Structure formats: structure tokens, C-alpha cells
Protein backbone atom coordinates (compact mmCIF):
# COMPACT_ATOMS: atom_id res chain seq x y z
CA UNK A 1 -14.78 -6.54 21.57
CA UNK A 2 -12.99 -5.12 24.63
CA UNK A 3 -10.49 -2.43 23.59
CA UNK A 4 -6.89 -1.99 24.78
CA UNK A 5 -6.25 -5.64 25.58
CA UNK A 6 -3.55 -7.79 24.02
CA UNK A 7 -5.81 -10.88 24.17
CA UNK A 8 -9.44 -9.71 24.17
CA UNK A 9 -10.52 -13.11 22.86
CA UNK A 10 -9.74 -14.60 26.28
CA UNK A 11 -11.95 -12.11 28.16
CA UNK A 12 -15.16 -14.16 28.11
CA UNK A 13 -13.50 -17.39 29.25
CA UNK A 14 -11.51 -15.70 32.04
CA UNK A 15 -14.59 -13.79 33.21
CA UNK A 16 -16.56 -17.04 33.47
CA UNK A 17 -13.73 -18.79 35.34
CA UNK A 18 -13.33 -15.86 37.74
CA UNK A 19 -17.08 -15.75 38.38
CA UNK A 20 -17.16 -19.50 39.07
CA UNK A 21 -14.17 -19.19 41.40
CA UNK A 22 -15.80 -16.28 43.25
CA UNK A 23 -19.05 -18.23 43.60
CA UNK A 24 -17.15 -21.27 44.92
CA UNK A 25 -15.22 -19.16 47.45
CA UNK A 26 -18.36 -17.39 48.70
CA UNK A 27 -20.29 -20.66 49.00
CA UNK A 28 -17.37 -22.25 50.84
CA UNK A 29 -17.11 -19.27 53.22
CA UNK A 30 -20.84 -19.37 54.00
CA UNK A 31 -20.70 -23.12 54.61
CA UNK A 32 -17.63 -22.79 56.86
CA UNK A 33 -19.23 -19.98 58.88
CA UNK A 34 -22.32 -22.08 59.54
CA UNK A 35 -20.21 -25.05 60.69
CA UNK A 36 -18.17 -22.86 63.06
CA UNK A 37 -21.33 -21.36 64.49
CA UNK A 38 -22.75 -24.81 65.15
CA UNK A 39 -19.50 -26.10 66.69
CA UNK A 40 -18.22 -23.06 68.61
CA UNK A 41 -21.22 -20.80 68.89
CA UNK A 42 -20.86 -16.99 68.56
CA UNK A 43 -17.09 -17.17 69.20
CA UNK A 44 -16.57 -19.31 66.12
CA UNK A 45 -18.57 -16.93 63.92
CA UNK A 46 -16.28 -14.04 64.93
CA UNK A 47 -13.16 -15.76 63.53
CA UNK A 48 -12.67 -14.22 60.06
CA UNK A 49 -9.20 -15.50 59.25
CA UNK A 50 -10.42 -18.14 56.78
CA UNK A 51 -12.58 -15.61 54.97
CA UNK A 52 -9.70 -13.18 54.74
CA UNK A 53 -7.50 -15.88 53.25
CA UNK A 54 -10.18 -16.72 50.68
CA UNK A 55 -10.55 -13.05 49.80
CA UNK A 56 -6.80 -12.68 49.22
CA UNK A 57 -6.73 -15.81 47.06
CA UNK A 58 -9.72 -14.61 45.02
CA UNK A 59 -8.14 -11.19 44.48
CA UNK A 60 -4.90 -12.87 43.40
CA UNK A 61 -6.85 -15.00 40.90
CA UNK A 62 -8.52 -11.91 39.43
CA UNK A 63 -5.15 -10.14 39.14
CA UNK A 64 -3.71 -13.15 37.32
CA UNK A 65 -6.70 -13.14 34.93
CA UNK A 66 -6.17 -9.45 34.17
CA UNK A 67 -2.45 -10.06 33.59
CA UNK A 68 -3.30 -12.83 31.10
CA UNK A 69 -5.55 -10.45 29.17
CA UNK A 70 -2.57 -8.11 28.71
CA UNK A 71 -4.03 -4.65 29.42
CA UNK A 72 -2.48 -1.96 27.25
CA UNK A 73 -2.02 1.15 29.37
CA UNK A 74 -0.13 4.19 28.13
CA UNK A 75 2.26 4.45 25.21
CA UNK A 76 5.99 4.17 24.70
CA UNK A 77 8.33 5.33 21.95
CA UNK A 78 10.42 2.87 19.96
CA UNK A 79 12.82 3.50 17.13
CA UNK A 80 12.76 1.43 13.97
CA UNK A 81 14.80 1.72 10.74
CA UNK A 82 13.46 4.31 8.33
CA UNK A 83 12.74 1.82 5.56
CA UNK A 84 9.60 3.70 4.48
CA UNK A 85 6.01 3.99 5.61
CA UNK A 86 2.83 2.12 4.75
CA UNK A 87 0.06 4.56 3.80
CA UNK A 88 -3.60 3.82 3.08
CA UNK A 89 -5.57 6.64 1.43
CA UNK A 90 -9.28 6.40 2.27
CA UNK A 91 -11.50 8.59 0.08
CA UNK A 92 -15.09 9.50 0.87
CA UNK A 93 -17.27 8.90 -2.23
CA UNK A 94 -20.68 9.55 -0.66
CA UNK A 95 -23.12 11.88 -2.47
CA UNK A 96 -22.21 14.83 -0.23
CA UNK A 97 -18.72 14.82 -1.79
CA UNK A 98 -20.28 16.06 -5.07
CA UNK A 99 -21.22 19.35 -3.36
CA UNK A 100 -19.64 22.37 -5.03
CA UNK A 101 -19.31 24.69 -2.06
CA UNK A 102 -15.57 24.41 -2.82
CA UNK A 103 -14.83 24.48 -6.56
CA UNK A 104 -14.93 22.34 -8.58
CA UNK A 105 -16.25 19.85 -5.96
CA UNK A 106 -15.25 18.26 -2.68
CA UNK A 107 -14.41 14.96 -4.38
CA UNK A 108 -12.28 16.68 -7.02
CA UNK A 109 -10.33 18.37 -4.23
CA UNK A 110 -9.95 15.03 -2.43
CA UNK A 111 -8.55 13.37 -5.58
CA UNK A 112 -6.19 16.30 -6.09
CA UNK A 113 -4.91 16.01 -2.51
CA UNK A 114 -4.47 12.25 -2.85
CA UNK A 115 -2.49 12.69 -6.07
CA UNK A 116 -0.17 15.29 -4.50
CA UNK A 117 0.40 13.05 -1.48
CA UNK A 118 1.30 10.13 -3.76
CA UNK A 119 3.79 12.35 -5.60
CA UNK A 120 5.43 13.31 -2.28
CA UNK A 121 6.12 9.74 -1.18
CA UNK A 122 9.71 8.56 -0.96
CA UNK A 123 11.21 5.51 -2.74
CA UNK A 124 10.81 3.17 0.24
CA UNK A 125 7.16 4.05 0.88
CA UNK A 126 4.13 1.95 -0.03
CA UNK A 127 0.55 3.10 -0.52
CA UNK A 128 -2.93 1.61 -0.98
CA UNK A 129 -6.29 3.04 -2.00
CA UNK A 130 -9.63 2.52 -0.27
CA UNK A 131 -13.04 4.19 -0.56
CA UNK A 132 -16.31 4.29 1.34
CA UNK A 133 -19.90 5.40 0.93
CA UNK A 134 -22.64 3.07 2.15
CA UNK A 135 -19.85 0.58 2.85
CA UNK A 136 -16.08 0.48 2.63
CA UNK A 137 -13.84 -1.38 0.23
CA UNK A 138 -10.09 -1.80 -0.21
CA UNK A 139 -9.41 -0.97 -3.86
CA UNK A 140 -5.70 -1.84 -4.08
CA UNK A 141 -3.14 -3.57 -1.86
CA UNK A 142 -0.04 -1.81 -0.62
CA UNK A 143 2.31 -1.17 -3.52
CA UNK A 144 5.37 1.00 -4.21
CA UNK A 145 3.98 1.73 -7.70
CA UNK A 146 2.71 5.25 -7.10
CA UNK A 147 2.18 5.83 -10.80
CA UNK A 148 -0.38 3.03 -10.99
CA UNK A 149 -2.25 4.43 -7.98
CA UNK A 150 -2.25 7.91 -9.53
CA UNK A 151 -3.89 6.46 -12.65
CA UNK A 152 -6.59 4.72 -10.59
CA UNK A 153 -7.37 7.73 -8.38
CA UNK A 154 -9.40 9.70 -11.01
CA UNK A 155 -11.76 6.72 -11.33
CA UNK A 156 -12.75 6.98 -7.64
CA UNK A 157 -16.20 8.58 -8.01
CA UNK A 158 -19.51 8.77 -6.18
CA UNK A 159 -20.95 6.30 -8.71
CA UNK A 160 -18.61 3.63 -7.35
CA UNK A 161 -21.27 2.35 -4.93
CA UNK A 162 -24.95 1.88 -5.61
CA UNK A 163 -25.54 1.77 -1.86
CA UNK A 164 -25.12 5.41 -0.89
CA UNK A 165 -24.48 6.56 2.64
CA UNK A 166 -21.47 7.62 4.69
CA UNK A 167 -20.22 4.63 6.69
CA UNK A 168 -16.81 5.93 7.77
CA UNK A 169 -16.39 3.05 10.25
CA UNK A 170 -16.77 0.51 7.43
CA UNK A 171 -14.25 2.42 5.35
CA UNK A 172 -11.70 2.43 8.18
CA UNK A 173 -12.06 -1.31 8.71
CA UNK A 174 -11.58 -1.93 4.98
CA UNK A 175 -8.48 0.30 4.83
CA UNK A 176 -6.92 -1.40 7.87
CA UNK A 177 -6.94 -4.64 5.88
CA UNK A 178 -4.13 -3.25 3.72
CA UNK A 179 -1.57 -3.26 6.54
CA UNK A 180 0.74 -6.09 7.55
CA UNK A 181 0.56 -6.04 11.33
CA UNK A 182 3.75 -8.11 11.60
CA UNK A 183 5.78 -5.42 9.83
CA UNK A 184 7.68 -2.85 11.91
CA UNK A 185 7.08 -0.15 9.28
CA UNK A 186 5.03 2.86 10.43
CA UNK A 187 1.37 2.64 9.40
CA UNK A 188 -0.68 5.75 8.54
CA UNK A 189 -4.28 6.13 7.37
CA UNK A 190 -5.09 9.30 5.40
CA UNK A 191 -8.83 10.08 5.36
CA UNK A 192 -10.13 12.50 2.73
CA UNK A 193 -13.71 13.31 3.71
CA UNK A 194 -16.17 16.10 4.50
CA UNK A 195 -16.79 14.52 7.91
CA UNK A 196 -20.50 13.81 7.40
CA UNK A 197 -20.83 10.25 8.63
CA UNK A 198 -23.60 7.94 9.76
CA UNK A 199 -24.66 7.57 13.37
CA UNK A 200 -22.68 4.36 13.77
CA UNK A 201 -20.21 4.69 16.61
CA UNK A 202 -16.54 4.97 15.70
CA UNK A 203 -15.37 3.55 19.03
CA UNK A 204 -14.72 0.06 17.68
CA UNK A 205 -12.90 1.42 14.62
CA UNK A 206 -10.71 3.61 16.83
CA UNK A 207 -9.86 0.60 18.97
CA UNK A 208 -8.90 -1.45 15.89
CA UNK A 209 -6.73 1.35 14.55
CA UNK A 210 -4.96 1.77 17.89
CA UNK A 211 -4.33 -1.96 18.23
CA UNK A 212 -2.92 -2.04 14.69
CA UNK A 213 -0.59 0.88 15.48
CA UNK A 214 -2.17 3.05 12.79
CA UNK A 215 -2.12 6.84 13.02
CA UNK A 216 -4.98 8.72 11.36
CA UNK A 217 -4.28 11.88 9.40
CA UNK A 218 -7.63 13.41 8.41
CA UNK A 219 -8.24 16.14 5.84
CA UNK A 220 -11.66 17.78 6.31
CA UNK A 221 -12.94 19.00 2.95
CA UNK A 222 -15.77 21.38 2.15
CA UNK A 223 -16.95 24.41 4.11
CA UNK A 224 -18.98 25.07 7.23
CA UNK A 225 -21.40 27.17 5.15
CA UNK A 226 -22.12 24.08 3.08
CA UNK A 227 -23.86 23.72 -0.25
CA UNK A 228 -26.49 21.69 -2.14
CA UNK A 229 -25.81 18.27 -3.65
CA UNK A 230 -26.27 17.98 -7.43
CA UNK A 231 -28.02 14.78 -8.54
CA UNK A 232 -28.72 14.03 -12.23
CA UNK A 233 -29.08 17.65 -13.29
CA UNK A 234 -31.13 18.62 -10.24
CA UNK A 235 -30.50 19.14 -6.53
CA UNK A 236 -30.98 16.52 -3.84
CA UNK A 237 -34.17 17.16 -1.88
CA UNK A 238 -35.59 15.70 1.32
CA UNK A 239 -39.03 14.14 1.81
CA UNK A 240 -40.72 17.54 2.09
CA UNK A 241 -39.19 18.80 -1.15
CA UNK A 242 -36.63 21.09 0.53
CA UNK A 243 -33.11 21.26 -0.90
CA UNK A 244 -30.62 19.30 1.18
CA UNK A 245 -27.61 21.37 2.26
CA UNK A 246 -24.49 19.49 3.34
CA UNK A 247 -21.98 21.02 5.76
CA UNK A 248 -18.42 20.10 6.63
CA UNK A 249 -18.20 18.39 10.01
CA UNK A 250 -14.96 17.82 11.90
CA UNK A 251 -16.09 16.23 15.17
CA UNK A 252 -15.63 12.59 14.15
CA UNK A 253 -12.44 13.23 12.18
CA UNK A 254 -10.94 15.14 15.10
CA UNK A 255 -11.80 12.28 17.45
CA UNK A 256 -10.12 9.76 15.15
CA UNK A 257 -6.96 11.84 14.83
CA UNK A 258 -6.76 12.61 18.55
CA UNK A 259 -7.29 9.03 19.75
CA UNK A 260 -4.71 7.57 17.34
CA UNK A 261 -1.99 10.19 17.76
CA UNK A 262 -2.63 11.72 14.35
CA UNK A 263 -3.59 15.17 13.15
CA UNK A 264 -6.67 16.88 11.65
CA UNK A 265 -6.24 19.39 8.82
CA UNK A 266 -8.98 21.63 7.46
CA UNK A 267 -9.23 22.74 3.86
CA UNK A 268 -9.21 26.47 3.14
CA UNK A 269 -12.12 28.45 1.73
CA UNK A 270 -11.24 27.28 -1.78
CA UNK A 271 -11.14 23.63 -0.77
CA UNK A 272 -7.37 23.22 -0.98
CA UNK A 273 -5.47 21.28 1.69
CA UNK A 274 -1.94 22.27 2.65
CA UNK A 275 -0.09 19.26 1.28
CA UNK A 276 3.11 20.10 3.14
CA UNK A 277 1.21 19.86 6.43
CA UNK A 278 -0.39 16.57 5.33
CA UNK A 279 3.00 15.09 4.45
CA UNK A 280 4.46 16.34 7.72
CA UNK A 281 1.61 14.66 9.60
CA UNK A 282 2.16 11.42 7.69
CA UNK A 283 5.91 11.38 8.25
CA UNK A 284 5.82 12.71 11.81
CA UNK A 285 8.36 11.00 14.02
CA UNK A 286 10.99 10.59 11.31
CA UNK A 287 14.48 11.48 12.42
CA UNK A 288 17.42 12.62 10.34
CA UNK A 289 19.69 9.70 11.14
CA UNK A 290 17.81 6.96 9.31
CA UNK A 291 15.36 6.11 12.11
CA UNK A 292 11.68 6.69 12.78
CA UNK A 293 10.10 7.03 16.20
CA UNK A 294 6.88 5.10 16.71
CA UNK A 295 4.36 5.54 19.52
CA UNK A 296 2.85 2.21 20.49
CA UNK A 297 0.56 0.99 23.24
CA UNK A 298 2.41 -0.79 26.05
CA UNK A 299 1.16 -4.10 27.39
CA UNK A 300 1.51 -3.90 31.17
CA UNK A 301 0.91 -7.26 32.77
CA UNK A 302 3.77 -7.02 35.25
CA UNK A 303 1.92 -4.87 37.78
CA UNK A 304 -1.05 -7.25 37.92
CA UNK A 305 1.21 -10.31 38.16
CA UNK A 306 3.13 -8.58 40.96
CA UNK A 307 -0.14 -7.79 42.72
CA UNK A 308 -1.11 -11.45 42.60
CA UNK A 309 2.30 -12.46 44.00
CA UNK A 310 2.02 -9.81 46.74
CA UNK A 311 -1.40 -11.08 47.82
CA UNK A 312 -0.13 -14.65 47.89
CA UNK A 313 2.92 -13.47 49.83
CA UNK A 314 0.78 -11.77 52.46
CA UNK A 315 -1.17 -14.91 53.21
CA UNK A 316 1.21 -17.63 52.05
CA UNK A 317 4.07 -17.01 54.48
CA UNK A 318 2.47 -17.05 57.93
CA UNK A 319 5.81 -17.68 59.63
CA UNK A 320 7.07 -14.21 58.72
CA UNK A 321 6.00 -11.22 60.80
CA UNK A 322 3.11 -9.28 59.34
CA UNK A 323 5.23 -6.15 58.87
CA UNK A 324 7.88 -8.11 56.99
CA UNK A 325 5.26 -9.61 54.71
CA UNK A 326 3.68 -6.21 54.09
CA UNK A 327 7.05 -4.61 53.35
CA UNK A 328 8.01 -7.34 50.89
CA UNK A 329 4.66 -7.06 49.12
CA UNK A 330 4.96 -3.25 48.89
CA UNK A 331 8.50 -3.51 47.49
CA UNK A 332 7.34 -6.03 44.92
CA UNK A 333 4.50 -3.77 43.77
CA UNK A 334 6.76 -0.71 43.64
CA UNK A 335 9.34 -2.57 41.56
CA UNK A 336 6.69 -3.73 39.08
CA UNK A 337 5.20 -0.29 38.40
CA UNK A 338 8.52 1.52 37.95
CA UNK A 339 9.40 2.20 34.32
CA UNK A 340 12.55 0.40 33.21
CA UNK A 341 15.44 2.56 32.13
CA UNK A 342 15.62 3.34 28.47
CA UNK A 343 18.20 1.20 26.73
CA UNK A 344 19.67 1.46 23.30
CA UNK A 345 17.87 -0.65 20.73
CA UNK A 346 20.05 -3.61 19.66
CA UNK A 347 19.01 -3.00 16.05
CA UNK A 348 20.03 0.64 16.28
CA UNK A 349 23.40 -0.31 17.71
CA UNK A 350 23.97 -2.82 14.89
CA UNK A 351 23.04 -0.21 12.27
CA UNK A 352 25.59 2.17 13.81
CA UNK A 353 28.21 -0.58 13.80
CA UNK A 354 27.65 -1.29 10.12
CA UNK A 355 27.92 2.41 9.30
CA UNK A 356 31.30 2.45 11.01
CA UNK A 357 32.49 -0.77 9.34
CA UNK A 358 30.55 -1.20 6.09
CA UNK A 359 32.93 -3.88 4.82
CA UNK A 360 32.56 -6.10 7.89
CA UNK A 361 30.60 -9.15 6.72
CA UNK A 362 30.11 -10.38 10.29
CA UNK A 363 28.44 -7.14 11.34
CA UNK A 364 26.18 -7.34 8.28
CA UNK A 365 25.19 -10.89 9.24
CA UNK A 366 24.22 -9.77 12.76
CA UNK A 367 22.33 -6.81 11.33
CA UNK A 368 20.42 -9.04 8.91
CA UNK A 369 19.44 -11.42 11.69
CA UNK A 370 18.19 -8.53 13.85
CA UNK A 371 16.19 -7.10 10.96
CA UNK A 372 14.65 -10.50 10.24
CA UNK A 373 13.61 -10.87 13.90
CA UNK A 374 12.07 -7.38 13.74
CA UNK A 375 10.00 -8.42 10.71
CA UNK A 376 11.88 -6.23 8.19
CA UNK A 377 12.55 -9.07 5.75
CA UNK A 378 13.41 -6.96 2.70
CA UNK A 379 16.01 -5.05 4.70
CA UNK A 380 17.32 -8.34 6.14
CA UNK A 381 17.80 -9.78 2.64
CA UNK A 382 19.77 -6.73 1.59
CA UNK A 383 22.06 -7.13 4.60
CA UNK A 384 22.61 -10.84 3.92
CA UNK A 385 23.40 -10.19 0.24
CA UNK A 386 25.86 -7.47 1.22
CA UNK A 387 27.48 -9.88 3.70
CA UNK A 388 27.82 -12.56 1.00
CA UNK A 389 29.49 -10.09 -1.36
CA UNK A 390 31.84 -8.65 1.26
CA UNK A 391 32.75 -11.99 2.90
CA UNK A 392 36.46 -12.80 2.78
CA UNK A 393 36.04 -16.53 3.40
CA UNK A 394 33.71 -19.19 2.05
CA UNK A 395 32.26 -20.06 5.43
CA UNK A 396 30.96 -16.54 6.09
CA UNK A 397 29.54 -16.27 2.56
CA UNK A 398 27.86 -19.68 2.96
CA UNK A 399 26.26 -18.55 6.22
CA UNK A 400 24.97 -15.39 4.52
CA UNK A 401 23.38 -17.41 1.70
CA UNK A 402 21.91 -19.84 4.24
CA UNK A 403 20.29 -16.99 6.16
CA UNK A 404 19.04 -15.57 2.86
CA UNK A 405 17.39 -18.91 2.11
CA UNK A 406 15.72 -18.99 5.53
CA UNK A 407 14.20 -15.55 4.97
CA UNK A 408 12.99 -16.65 1.53
CA UNK A 409 11.31 -19.69 3.12
CA UNK A 410 9.55 -17.40 5.60
CA UNK A 411 8.21 -15.48 2.60
CA UNK A 412 7.26 -18.80 0.89
CA UNK A 413 9.51 -17.94 -2.04
CA UNK A 414 10.62 -21.52 -2.71
CA UNK A 415 12.60 -20.79 -5.87
CA UNK A 416 14.73 -18.11 -4.21
CA UNK A 417 15.24 -20.32 -1.15
CA UNK A 418 16.37 -23.20 -3.38
CA UNK A 419 18.93 -21.01 -5.17
CA UNK A 420 20.25 -19.59 -1.88
CA UNK A 421 20.71 -23.03 -0.32
CA UNK A 422 22.45 -24.25 -3.48
CA UNK A 423 24.91 -21.35 -3.17
CA UNK A 424 25.45 -22.10 0.52
CA UNK A 425 26.23 -25.78 -0.18
CA UNK A 426 28.55 -24.86 -3.05
CA UNK A 427 30.62 -22.76 -0.63
CA UNK A 428 30.30 -25.14 2.34
CA UNK A 429 29.64 -28.70 1.10
CA UNK A 430 29.59 -30.10 4.65
CA UNK A 431 26.80 -27.87 5.94
CA UNK A 432 24.16 -30.39 7.03
CA UNK A 433 21.54 -27.78 7.87
CA UNK A 434 21.80 -26.25 4.41
CA UNK A 435 21.44 -29.71 2.85
CA UNK A 436 18.41 -30.50 4.99
CA UNK A 437 16.72 -27.20 4.09
CA UNK A 438 17.54 -27.68 0.42
CA UNK A 439 16.00 -31.16 0.39
CA UNK A 440 12.88 -29.87 2.13
CA UNK A 441 12.61 -27.00 -0.35
CA UNK A 442 13.00 -29.33 -3.34
CA UNK A 443 10.26 -31.61 -1.99
CA UNK A 444 8.00 -28.60 -1.49
CA UNK A 445 8.63 -27.53 -5.08
CA UNK A 446 7.76 -31.04 -6.29
CA UNK A 447 4.48 -30.91 -4.37
CA UNK A 448 3.61 -27.54 -5.91
CA UNK A 449 0.82 -27.62 -8.55
CA UNK A 450 2.27 -28.47 -11.99
CA UNK A 451 2.25 -25.94 -14.78
CA UNK A 452 -0.34 -26.43 -17.58
CA UNK A 453 0.92 -28.59 -20.47
CA UNK A 454 2.77 -26.74 -23.21
CA UNK A 455 0.99 -28.65 -25.99
CA UNK A 456 3.84 -30.90 -27.10
CA UNK A 457 2.18 -34.15 -26.01
CA UNK A 458 -0.75 -35.44 -28.03
CA UNK A 459 -3.77 -36.61 -26.09
CA UNK A 460 -4.45 -40.33 -26.47
CA UNK A 461 -7.92 -41.88 -26.28
CA UNK A 462 -8.64 -43.86 -23.12
CA UNK A 463 -7.88 -47.60 -23.31
CA UNK A 464 -10.76 -50.03 -23.31
CA UNK A 465 -11.04 -52.55 -20.53
CA UNK A 466 -8.59 -55.36 -21.11
CA UNK A 467 -6.53 -53.43 -23.65
CA UNK A 468 -2.81 -53.76 -23.05
CA UNK A 469 -0.53 -50.83 -22.39
CA UNK A 470 1.10 -49.69 -25.68
CA UNK A 471 4.68 -50.71 -26.08
CA UNK A 472 7.59 -48.32 -26.34
CA UNK A 473 7.77 -48.85 -30.13
CA UNK A 474 4.06 -48.05 -30.52
CA UNK A 475 4.42 -44.88 -28.46
CA UNK A 476 7.39 -43.85 -30.60
CA UNK A 477 5.39 -44.52 -33.78
CA UNK A 478 2.46 -42.48 -32.48
CA UNK A 479 4.69 -39.55 -31.62
CA UNK A 480 6.78 -39.79 -34.79
CA UNK A 481 4.46 -37.77 -37.09
CA UNK A 482 4.36 -34.89 -34.65
CA UNK A 483 8.11 -35.00 -34.13
CA UNK A 484 8.85 -35.18 -37.87
CA UNK A 485 6.43 -32.41 -38.71
CA UNK A 486 4.10 -34.55 -40.85
CA UNK A 487 0.80 -32.93 -41.78
CA UNK A 488 -2.11 -33.93 -39.61
CA UNK A 489 -5.16 -35.65 -41.11
CA UNK A 490 -8.62 -34.12 -40.91
CA UNK A 491 -9.97 -30.74 -39.94
CA UNK A 492 -9.74 -31.39 -36.18
CA UNK A 493 -6.06 -32.24 -36.46
CA UNK A 494 -5.50 -29.08 -38.46
CA UNK A 495 -7.13 -27.01 -35.75
CA UNK A 496 -5.01 -28.75 -33.13
CA UNK A 497 -1.83 -27.95 -35.01
CA UNK A 498 -2.95 -24.34 -35.33
CA UNK A 499 -3.50 -24.00 -31.58
CA UNK A 500 -0.05 -25.47 -30.94
CA UNK A 501 1.67 -22.86 -33.04
CA UNK A 502 3.83 -20.70 -30.80
CA UNK A 503 2.83 -17.03 -30.47
CA UNK A 504 4.93 -14.55 -32.45
CA UNK A 505 7.81 -13.04 -30.55
CA UNK A 506 7.98 -9.26 -30.24
CA UNK A 507 11.11 -7.24 -29.81
CA UNK A 508 11.14 -4.73 -26.93
CA UNK A 509 10.17 -1.80 -29.16
CA UNK A 510 7.20 -3.67 -30.65
CA UNK A 511 6.08 -4.79 -27.19
CA UNK A 512 6.25 -1.20 -25.91
CA UNK A 513 4.13 0.10 -28.81
CA UNK A 514 1.63 -2.73 -28.34
CA UNK A 515 1.24 -2.02 -24.62
CA UNK A 516 0.85 1.70 -25.26
CA UNK A 517 -2.01 0.92 -27.63
CA UNK A 518 -3.97 -0.96 -24.94
CA UNK A 519 -6.77 1.21 -23.58
CA UNK A 520 -7.13 0.88 -19.81
CA UNK A 521 -10.42 1.73 -18.12
CA UNK A 522 -9.75 1.92 -14.37
CA UNK A 523 -13.20 3.40 -13.76
CA UNK A 524 -14.96 0.30 -15.10
CA UNK A 525 -12.55 -1.98 -13.22
CA UNK A 526 -13.19 -0.24 -9.90
CA UNK A 527 -16.95 -0.28 -10.42
CA UNK A 528 -16.79 -4.01 -11.16
CA UNK A 529 -14.73 -4.55 -8.01
CA UNK A 530 -17.12 -2.54 -5.86
CA UNK A 531 -20.15 -4.21 -7.44
CA UNK A 532 -18.78 -7.71 -6.84
CA UNK A 533 -17.99 -6.94 -3.20
CA UNK A 534 -21.37 -5.30 -2.77
CA UNK A 535 -23.25 -8.28 -4.20
CA UNK A 536 -21.39 -10.65 -1.88
CA UNK A 537 -22.38 -8.58 1.17
CA UNK A 538 -26.06 -8.29 0.27
CA UNK A 539 -28.68 -10.56 1.73
CA UNK A 540 -32.18 -11.17 0.47
CA UNK A 541 -33.59 -10.30 -2.96
CA UNK A 542 -31.74 -7.99 -5.33
CA UNK A 543 -33.84 -5.42 -7.17
């Protein structure tokens, strides 16, 4: 895949079209030159105006093709609301992480660092866990439940994968799957590893991380002096019987951090990582006024489109003097490469307006719409709810509920959308758009898969061919024993009645004690998850 392009999937097709166009132009030029030579002799062969025109047209076509690919050149800073960050913690669980050159082990230090980072997250942040050895796997999705992640983290061990190795690239690709690329929230990948990786190139993984807008913060664990790797009461040895010594390596981790705008941190001689520096690297770019600055690649197609227009201008307006055509083309190119002046973000201006007038329902409506367009749906819903509460007239409140229903539809939350549209119609009965959306939502709910039967209806045997449909009286008679609570006949009926008995209801205190008595085993769950993913990726016989 070609890096730093907005549409790399078009590269092959555009390259083929450009090559065909170039071949056609060259063949046409050769054919035209031969005809001129036959008709006009040497004087005709010296006329190169047609070839120059073809060259300009071909160059314009190539420039248009490059503009369509959307080359991403350089970076720009944008400000987005500080609604929290999305963090994926990728832990190295290869055998080298069991080395004890830093006590108690590299992996123990990695788990400790991950736990401290989880504790430092703020209420709006989300985190996910991933691990890699011979392959990578995403263990949990993004979640704000840091307590659950802290309980899972101790189960991340080197025994998680039967296929040992150190495929950092596979781990990065698995961790990137946790992020929602449509979200404007900052995305950070924290890698906890000793840096010993396979020989697979990280170039493709770096390109994927950059295109996803993910910064890499890497913590290099272990020591340069290194240490042996304990394996089942012995030390890992190579083919000649020599003890394998693993060393901390920072080259690949430094490359990842540098190419993605992140930071590399090295553990001290005792294996501890400065958590304050890790958190600062994760939250870098946060301002103190409720905004976060993001560095993102800039798609620059304007310069190539302007180049194509300039080439067409040079040869497409023969009536103008050559100097005038050249000056116009140069001005067009200069205008396209100049950076536009920085302007205030509309979303930032709306946030400032709401801070000045927090009771203004109209400003909250505009802010919610801007947040929804930016992809911050949770923040948009909060703004619409605040607008509905603060509205001083029914029409404004109805519009807020309508917008709330639209956002719920975008999230495929049909029940919430239905309730919001009902509220909008109750406040504005003549709103045709709200009625249309409500009807659509109700039809979508009807088409949703039905819930399993609750057990109130008795199953009837299938009718034989030619048997008439039972009448209403017969159906009432059949259902009467069940409705009146008559005892069922036979052992099978008794079992059926037992299965229909409702489960006992527990008060909150009993439910709490029951849940506390359940023994969770996150280690076994993670091993099952890794084993299932591993078996799906294997090919050939399993031994």
C-alpha cells in the first residue's frame, strides 16, 4: 500500500490510465512526425508544436491523477474539544519479557506501568488493551471502565500465545482496530515492550498509524546489559546449548515514536518508568481552556490541480501573448501553494458563545449541530438535551428533541430515537419531518428480530393435512387450563410447568452478595480469546 495518500486504493487504476494515455500520446506523436516528414520533408519534422502540446496535456493529466490520489504532505494543527482521549495499551508478552534483568521481571514492570497509566486517566478518557508475541490481538474494545481493565491486566502473561515470537507490527495493527477513525477524539497508542522485535519491517505499520492519526508513546523496558530468559525452571538456550541473553533495544520504538509525533521513554536501572512523563506524552497538546491541539497530515491536492490548470492555460489560450499566459499560470501556482490564513474554528467559537450565554437554547442547538458534524455524538447529545431543558418555547424544545433523535438514528439506537421523536411531536404536533422520522423508526423497530418467547404460550402440535383451523372457542378451551392454573397431566407437562416458573427475584443487597461470590478468571478468558483467534489464523495441520 502506498503511504501518505488519501486514496491509495485508486493508485493502481490511475497509474494504468496514465500509462495508457502516455503510450497513446507517444504513438500519436511518432505517427504525426512520420506523416509530416513524408508531406513536408525535413522542414515538417522540425515543427515541434504538436509534440509540445501533447506533452503539456500529458503532464496536466498526470497532475490531475496525483490530485485525485490526495497526497498528504506536511502536518497542520487543529483544535478539538477536550472530551477525552482514546488510548490503546499494547503489551509485549514475548518470552524475552520474562527476563529478570529488572526485578521482578520486564513483564511485571510493564503491567505495573499499564495499571498506573489507567489510574491516571480522566473521566472522559477511554482505554483498550492489546497484546502481541508471535502475533497481535485486541483483548478489549475501548471502554471508560478503567477498573475492569485493571482487573484484566494481571492476566496478560507470556503464556497467552502458544506461537512465541515478537511481531510488533502485528500488535500495532491489532491495537489500531480499537480506534474509531470517524471520531475527532485524540488517539494514542502506548507500547510497553523491551524493543526486541522480528525482522519484519515496521514501515507499513507506521503508515497505518499516521493515516489513523495515532501518536505512539513507547516505554522501553529492560536494560542494555540484558539478562537470560527463564523457561520452565531452566534458562532458554540456543541450538549450540549457549544461554540466550536478551537486551533492551530502542531503535524500532524510537522510529515509531518519531514518525508518529510521539515520544520514547526508557525505564531506569530498576525497570521503573516515569509515569508522569508517560501521562504527559499521552496528553500532550492539551490546553487549559477545554481544547486539545491535534497534529494531522494535510491533504494537498490544490497545488497539483493548479498545476494541471496552469499547463492547460499555457497551451489552451493561444490568442493571449505568451508572457500573459506564463504570468497567469505562475500566479495560479503561487496562489495554490500559499498557506491559507489561520481562522478561528467554528466549533471553538460556538463553545465560547455557550460559555458566555449558558442559558441560550439557540446557541446550544448550534453547538450540538457543530459537534454532531465533527463526529462528537456524545457531546452533541448533551448539548441538545441542555437546549431542550433551557428552551423557553415549545418550538425550540421540539427542535432540540428532533436533533437528538437524528443523532440517535446515526448511532442506530432506535429506541432512543423513537422516544426523542415522540417528545418532538408532543411539543410540535405539526412537524412533518418529525412524524416522518418517527414512522420510519417505528417500522425499523418492527423489522427488528423478535425477542424469544416468554413461555406463556403453549406449543401446539402441527395440523395434519386437511385438518381445519381450530375455532376461537377451541383455542380458548386449550388455553384455559394454563390460564386457570390447573395441574398439567404427565411427567412432560410437569417439567414444562417447572421450566416456566419465573426465577426468584433478588433485592439489591442479595444481588450484590451473589455477584461478589462469583469467581472471575480473566486469565482463562484471555487465553481462550487468544487461542480462538490463533486457531482461526492457522493454516494446515494442527499439532
